Amino acid sequence: METFKTFEDYFSQFDEEITSKMQAIRTEIKKEIPEAEECIKYLMPTFVFQNKNLIHFAVFTNHIGLYPGPEAVSFFEKELAQYKTSKGAIQIPLEENVPLELIKKIVNHAKERILKTTKTTNK
Protein backbone atom coordinates (compact mmCIF):
# COMPACT_ATOMS: atom_id res chain seq x y z
CA MET A 1 0.00 0.00 0.00
CA GLU A 2 1.35 3.38 -0.99
CA THR A 3 1.80 5.93 1.74
CA PHE A 4 1.74 9.68 1.25
CA LYS A 5 3.49 12.36 3.25
CA THR A 6 1.82 15.50 1.82
CA PHE A 7 -1.36 16.58 0.05
CA GLU A 8 0.74 17.00 -3.11
CA ASP A 9 1.90 13.37 -2.87
CA TYR A 10 -1.70 12.24 -2.54
CA PHE A 11 -3.05 14.47 -5.32
CA SER A 12 -0.28 13.46 -7.77
CA GLN A 13 -1.86 10.05 -8.36
CA PHE A 14 -4.98 11.50 -10.01
CA ASP A 15 -5.78 13.15 -13.33
CA GLU A 16 -6.10 16.90 -13.68
CA GLU A 17 -9.89 17.01 -13.26
CA ILE A 18 -9.88 15.09 -9.96
CA THR A 19 -6.82 16.94 -8.70
CA SER A 20 -8.58 20.22 -9.46
CA LYS A 21 -11.59 19.16 -7.36
CA MET A 22 -9.37 18.07 -4.48
CA GLN A 23 -7.38 21.30 -4.70
CA ALA A 24 -10.65 23.30 -4.62
CA ILE A 25 -11.67 21.51 -1.40
CA ARG A 26 -8.25 22.16 0.10
CA THR A 27 -8.29 25.84 -0.88
CA GLU A 28 -11.80 26.40 0.49
CA ILE A 29 -10.95 24.81 3.84
CA LYS A 30 -7.68 26.77 4.13
CA LYS A 31 -9.53 29.99 3.28
CA GLU A 32 -12.18 29.32 5.93
CA ILE A 33 -9.87 28.05 8.66
CA PRO A 34 -6.32 29.21 7.88
CA GLU A 35 -5.03 28.00 11.23
CA ALA A 36 -5.94 24.39 10.36
CA GLU A 37 -2.93 22.18 9.73
CA GLU A 38 -2.55 19.82 6.78
CA CYS A 39 -1.45 16.25 7.32
CA ILE A 40 -2.09 12.74 6.07
CA LYS A 41 -4.05 10.48 8.43
CA TYR A 42 -5.57 7.11 7.58
CA LEU A 43 -3.87 7.53 4.17
CA MET A 44 -6.10 10.57 3.45
CA PRO A 45 -5.57 14.33 3.30
CA THR A 46 -6.71 15.65 6.66
CA PHE A 47 -7.12 19.04 8.24
CA VAL A 48 -6.42 19.23 11.97
CA PHE A 49 -7.52 22.07 14.23
CA GLN A 50 -6.25 22.33 17.82
CA ASN A 51 -4.84 18.79 17.55
CA LYS A 52 -8.25 17.36 16.59
CA ASN A 53 -9.36 16.06 13.20
CA LEU A 54 -11.44 18.70 11.44
CA ILE A 55 -12.13 16.77 8.22
CA HIS A 56 -10.59 14.02 6.09
CA PHE A 57 -11.21 13.74 2.35
CA ALA A 58 -10.21 11.17 -0.25
CA VAL A 59 -10.82 9.98 -3.81
CA PHE A 60 -12.48 6.67 -4.55
CA THR A 61 -13.53 4.98 -7.80
CA ASN A 62 -16.80 6.88 -8.19
CA HIS A 63 -16.76 9.59 -5.55
CA ILE A 64 -14.86 11.94 -3.29
CA GLY A 65 -15.39 10.97 0.32
CA LEU A 66 -15.64 13.66 2.98
CA TYR A 67 -15.27 12.57 6.59
CA PRO A 68 -16.33 15.34 9.00
CA GLY A 69 -17.61 12.87 11.62
CA PRO A 70 -21.09 11.64 12.52
CA GLU A 71 -22.19 14.80 14.34
CA ALA A 72 -21.71 16.97 11.22
CA VAL A 73 -23.44 14.45 8.93
CA SER A 74 -26.41 14.40 11.29
CA PHE A 75 -26.47 18.21 11.70
CA PHE A 76 -26.47 18.81 7.91
CA GLU A 77 -28.79 15.92 7.10
CA LYS A 78 -31.26 18.02 5.05
CA GLU A 79 -28.53 19.75 3.04
CA LEU A 80 -26.86 16.39 2.40
CA ALA A 81 -30.07 14.68 1.23
CA GLN A 82 -28.89 14.47 -2.39
CA TYR A 83 -25.67 12.67 -1.40
CA LYS A 84 -25.05 9.18 -0.18
CA THR A 85 -24.04 9.39 3.48
CA SER A 86 -23.22 7.02 6.29
CA LYS A 87 -22.49 7.57 9.97
CA GLY A 88 -19.58 9.97 9.49
CA ALA A 89 -19.10 10.07 5.71
CA ILE A 90 -20.41 11.95 2.69
CA GLN A 91 -19.98 10.78 -0.90
CA ILE A 92 -19.73 13.41 -3.65
CA PRO A 93 -20.02 11.67 -7.05
CA LEU A 94 -16.98 12.41 -9.23
CA GLU A 95 -19.18 13.61 -12.09
CA GLU A 96 -20.77 16.32 -9.91
CA ASN A 97 -19.41 19.71 -8.92
CA VAL A 98 -17.93 19.90 -5.45
CA PRO A 99 -20.37 21.70 -3.10
CA LEU A 100 -17.85 24.21 -1.75
CA GLU A 101 -20.42 26.33 0.10
CA LEU A 102 -21.66 23.25 1.95
CA ILE A 103 -18.09 22.15 2.74
CA LYS A 104 -17.46 25.63 4.12
CA LYS A 105 -20.45 25.27 6.46
CA ILE A 106 -19.39 21.76 7.50
CA VAL A 107 -15.81 22.73 8.41
CA ASN A 108 -16.95 25.81 10.32
CA HIS A 109 -19.40 23.63 12.21
CA ALA A 110 -16.58 21.16 12.96
CA LYS A 111 -14.37 24.01 14.17
CA GLU A 112 -17.12 25.24 16.52
CA ARG A 113 -17.62 21.70 17.84
CA ILE A 114 -13.88 21.42 18.56
CA LEU A 115 -13.85 24.83 20.28
CA LYS A 116 -16.82 23.84 22.47
CA THR A 117 -15.19 20.53 23.35
CA THR A 118 -11.92 22.30 24.19
CA LYS A 119 -13.70 24.83 26.44
CA THR A 120 -15.57 22.04 28.23
CA THR A 121 -12.42 19.98 28.87
CA ASN A 122 -10.39 23.02 29.99
CA LYS A 123 -12.80 24.02 32.76
C-alpha atoms as a PDB file:
ATOM      1  CA  MET A   1       0.000   0.000   0.000  1.00  0.00           C
ATOM      2  CA  GLU A   2       1.352   3.380  -0.994  1.00  0.00           C
ATOM      3  CA  THR A   3       1.798   5.932   1.744  1.00  0.00           C
ATOM      4  CA  PHE A   4       1.744   9.681   1.246  1.00  0.00           C
ATOM      5  CA  LYS A   5       3.485  12.363   3.251  1.00  0.00           C
ATOM      6  CA  THR A   6       1.819  15.500   1.822  1.00  0.00           C
ATOM      7  CA  PHE A   7      -1.357  16.585   0.055  1.00  0.00           C
ATOM      8  CA  GLU A   8       0.737  16.996  -3.112  1.00  0.00           C
ATOM      9  CA  ASP A   9       1.899  13.365  -2.874  1.00  0.00           C
ATOM     10  CA  TYR A  10      -1.701  12.242  -2.543  1.00  0.00           C
ATOM     11  CA  PHE A  11      -3.050  14.475  -5.324  1.00  0.00           C
ATOM     12  CA  SER A  12      -0.283  13.457  -7.770  1.00  0.00           C
ATOM     13  CA  GLN A  13      -1.855  10.046  -8.362  1.00  0.00           C
ATOM     14  CA  PHE A  14      -4.983  11.503 -10.009  1.00  0.00           C
ATOM     15  CA  ASP A  15      -5.784  13.145 -13.327  1.00  0.00           C
ATOM     16  CA  GLU A  16      -6.101  16.903 -13.683  1.00  0.00           C
ATOM     17  CA  GLU A  17      -9.895  17.005 -13.256  1.00  0.00           C
ATOM     18  CA  ILE A  18      -9.881  15.095  -9.962  1.00  0.00           C
ATOM     19  CA  THR A  19      -6.815  16.943  -8.700  1.00  0.00           C
ATOM     20  CA  SER A  20      -8.576  20.224  -9.463  1.00  0.00           C
ATOM     21  CA  LYS A  21     -11.586  19.164  -7.357  1.00  0.00           C
ATOM     22  CA  MET A  22      -9.369  18.069  -4.478  1.00  0.00           C
ATOM     23  CA  GLN A  23      -7.379  21.301  -4.704  1.00  0.00           C
ATOM     24  CA  ALA A  24     -10.650  23.298  -4.620  1.00  0.00           C
ATOM     25  CA  ILE A  25     -11.674  21.514  -1.402  1.00  0.00           C
ATOM     26  CA  ARG A  26      -8.250  22.163   0.096  1.00  0.00           C
ATOM     27  CA  THR A  27      -8.288  25.840  -0.875  1.00  0.00           C
ATOM     28  CA  GLU A  28     -11.800  26.400   0.492  1.00  0.00           C
ATOM     29  CA  ILE A  29     -10.946  24.810   3.845  1.00  0.00           C
ATOM     30  CA  LYS A  30      -7.680  26.771   4.132  1.00  0.00           C
ATOM     31  CA  LYS A  31      -9.525  29.989   3.276  1.00  0.00           C
ATOM     32  CA  GLU A  32     -12.182  29.323   5.932  1.00  0.00           C
ATOM     33  CA  ILE A  33      -9.866  28.053   8.662  1.00  0.00           C
ATOM     34  CA  PRO A  34      -6.318  29.215   7.878  1.00  0.00           C
ATOM     35  CA  GLU A  35      -5.026  28.003  11.233  1.00  0.00           C
ATOM     36  CA  ALA A  36      -5.939  24.392  10.364  1.00  0.00           C
ATOM     37  CA  GLU A  37      -2.934  22.178   9.727  1.00  0.00           C
ATOM     38  CA  GLU A  38      -2.552  19.820   6.784  1.00  0.00           C
ATOM     39  CA  CYS A  39      -1.454  16.247   7.322  1.00  0.00           C
ATOM     40  CA  ILE A  40      -2.093  12.737   6.070  1.00  0.00           C
ATOM     41  CA  LYS A  41      -4.048  10.478   8.429  1.00  0.00           C
ATOM     42  CA  TYR A  42      -5.565   7.112   7.580  1.00  0.00           C
ATOM     43  CA  LEU A  43      -3.869   7.528   4.165  1.00  0.00           C
ATOM     44  CA  MET A  44      -6.097  10.570   3.445  1.00  0.00           C
ATOM     45  CA  PRO A  45      -5.573  14.328   3.299  1.00  0.00           C
ATOM     46  CA  THR A  46      -6.709  15.650   6.665  1.00  0.00           C
ATOM     47  CA  PHE A  47      -7.123  19.038   8.242  1.00  0.00           C
ATOM     48  CA  VAL A  48      -6.420  19.233  11.965  1.00  0.00           C
ATOM     49  CA  PHE A  49      -7.519  22.068  14.230  1.00  0.00           C
ATOM     50  CA  GLN A  50      -6.247  22.331  17.821  1.00  0.00           C
ATOM     51  CA  ASN A  51      -4.836  18.786  17.551  1.00  0.00           C
ATOM     52  CA  LYS A  52      -8.248  17.361  16.594  1.00  0.00           C
ATOM     53  CA  ASN A  53      -9.361  16.062  13.203  1.00  0.00           C
ATOM     54  CA  LEU A  54     -11.438  18.705  11.435  1.00  0.00           C
ATOM     55  CA  ILE A  55     -12.125  16.767   8.221  1.00  0.00           C
ATOM     56  CA  HIS A  56     -10.591  14.017   6.086  1.00  0.00           C
ATOM     57  CA  PHE A  57     -11.210  13.744   2.348  1.00  0.00           C
ATOM     58  CA  ALA A  58     -10.215  11.173  -0.250  1.00  0.00           C
ATOM     59  CA  VAL A  59     -10.821   9.983  -3.806  1.00  0.00           C
ATOM     60  CA  PHE A  60     -12.479   6.673  -4.550  1.00  0.00           C
ATOM     61  CA  THR A  61     -13.527   4.985  -7.799  1.00  0.00           C
ATOM     62  CA  ASN A  62     -16.801   6.881  -8.191  1.00  0.00           C
ATOM     63  CA  HIS A  63     -16.762   9.589  -5.555  1.00  0.00           C
ATOM     64  CA  ILE A  64     -14.862  11.942  -3.287  1.00  0.00           C
ATOM     65  CA  GLY A  65     -15.393  10.971   0.324  1.00  0.00           C
ATOM     66  CA  LEU A  66     -15.642  13.663   2.979  1.00  0.00           C
ATOM     67  CA  TYR A  67     -15.270  12.574   6.595  1.00  0.00           C
ATOM     68  CA  PRO A  68     -16.326  15.338   8.996  1.00  0.00           C
ATOM     69  CA  GLY A  69     -17.611  12.872  11.617  1.00  0.00           C
ATOM     70  CA  PRO A  70     -21.087  11.636  12.524  1.00  0.00           C
ATOM     71  CA  GLU A  71     -22.187  14.799  14.338  1.00  0.00           C
ATOM     72  CA  ALA A  72     -21.706  16.965  11.219  1.00  0.00           C
ATOM     73  CA  VAL A  73     -23.436  14.454   8.930  1.00  0.00           C
ATOM     74  CA  SER A  74     -26.409  14.400  11.286  1.00  0.00           C
ATOM     75  CA  PHE A  75     -26.468  18.211  11.700  1.00  0.00           C
ATOM     76  CA  PHE A  76     -26.469  18.813   7.910  1.00  0.00           C
ATOM     77  CA  GLU A  77     -28.794  15.921   7.102  1.00  0.00           C
ATOM     78  CA  LYS A  78     -31.256  18.022   5.049  1.00  0.00           C
ATOM     79  CA  GLU A  79     -28.535  19.753   3.035  1.00  0.00           C
ATOM     80  CA  LEU A  80     -26.860  16.393   2.404  1.00  0.00           C
ATOM     81  CA  ALA A  81     -30.073  14.683   1.233  1.00  0.00           C
ATOM     82  CA  GLN A  82     -28.889  14.470  -2.393  1.00  0.00           C
ATOM     83  CA  TYR A  83     -25.667  12.669  -1.401  1.00  0.00           C
ATOM     84  CA  LYS A  84     -25.050   9.176  -0.176  1.00  0.00           C
ATOM     85  CA  THR A  85     -24.039   9.393   3.478  1.00  0.00           C
ATOM     86  CA  SER A  86     -23.218   7.016   6.289  1.00  0.00           C
ATOM     87  CA  LYS A  87     -22.491   7.569   9.968  1.00  0.00           C
ATOM     88  CA  GLY A  88     -19.575   9.973   9.488  1.00  0.00           C
ATOM     89  CA  ALA A  89     -19.097  10.074   5.708  1.00  0.00           C
ATOM     90  CA  ILE A  90     -20.408  11.953   2.693  1.00  0.00           C
ATOM     91  CA  GLN A  91     -19.975  10.778  -0.904  1.00  0.00           C
ATOM     92  CA  ILE A  92     -19.730  13.406  -3.645  1.00  0.00           C
ATOM     93  CA  PRO A  93     -20.018  11.671  -7.050  1.00  0.00           C
ATOM     94  CA  LEU A  94     -16.981  12.405  -9.228  1.00  0.00           C
ATOM     95  CA  GLU A  95     -19.178  13.615 -12.088  1.00  0.00           C
ATOM     96  CA  GLU A  96     -20.768  16.320  -9.909  1.00  0.00           C
ATOM     97  CA  ASN A  97     -19.408  19.710  -8.923  1.00  0.00           C
ATOM     98  CA  VAL A  98     -17.927  19.897  -5.450  1.00  0.00           C
ATOM     99  CA  PRO A  99     -20.373  21.698  -3.098  1.00  0.00           C
ATOM    100  CA  LEU A 100     -17.846  24.206  -1.747  1.00  0.00           C
ATOM    101  CA  GLU A 101     -20.421  26.333   0.096  1.00  0.00           C
ATOM    102  CA  LEU A 102     -21.657  23.253   1.948  1.00  0.00           C
ATOM    103  CA  ILE A 103     -18.094  22.145   2.736  1.00  0.00           C
ATOM    104  CA  LYS A 104     -17.457  25.631   4.124  1.00  0.00           C
ATOM    105  CA  LYS A 105     -20.454  25.266   6.460  1.00  0.00           C
ATOM    106  CA  ILE A 106     -19.389  21.765   7.504  1.00  0.00           C
ATOM    107  CA  VAL A 107     -15.813  22.727   8.413  1.00  0.00           C
ATOM    108  CA  ASN A 108     -16.955  25.809  10.317  1.00  0.00           C
ATOM    109  CA  HIS A 109     -19.404  23.628  12.206  1.00  0.00           C
ATOM    110  CA  ALA A 110     -16.581  21.160  12.956  1.00  0.00           C
ATOM    111  CA  LYS A 111     -14.373  24.015  14.169  1.00  0.00           C
ATOM    112  CA  GLU A 112     -17.117  25.242  16.520  1.00  0.00           C
ATOM    113  CA  ARG A 113     -17.616  21.703  17.841  1.00  0.00           C
ATOM    114  CA  ILE A 114     -13.879  21.422  18.558  1.00  0.00           C
ATOM    115  CA  LEU A 115     -13.846  24.828  20.277  1.00  0.00           C
ATOM    116  CA  LYS A 116     -16.824  23.837  22.472  1.00  0.00           C
ATOM    117  CA  THR A 117     -15.186  20.528  23.354  1.00  0.00           C
ATOM    118  CA  THR A 118     -11.916  22.299  24.192  1.00  0.00           C
ATOM    119  CA  LYS A 119     -13.705  24.835  26.444  1.00  0.00           C
ATOM    120  CA  THR A 120     -15.573  22.040  28.226  1.00  0.00           C
ATOM    121  CA  THR A 121     -12.419  19.982  28.867  1.00  0.00           C
ATOM    122  CA  ASN A 122     -10.390  23.015  29.992  1.00  0.00           C
ATOM    123  CA  LYS A 123     -12.803  24.021  32.760  1.00  0.00           C
END
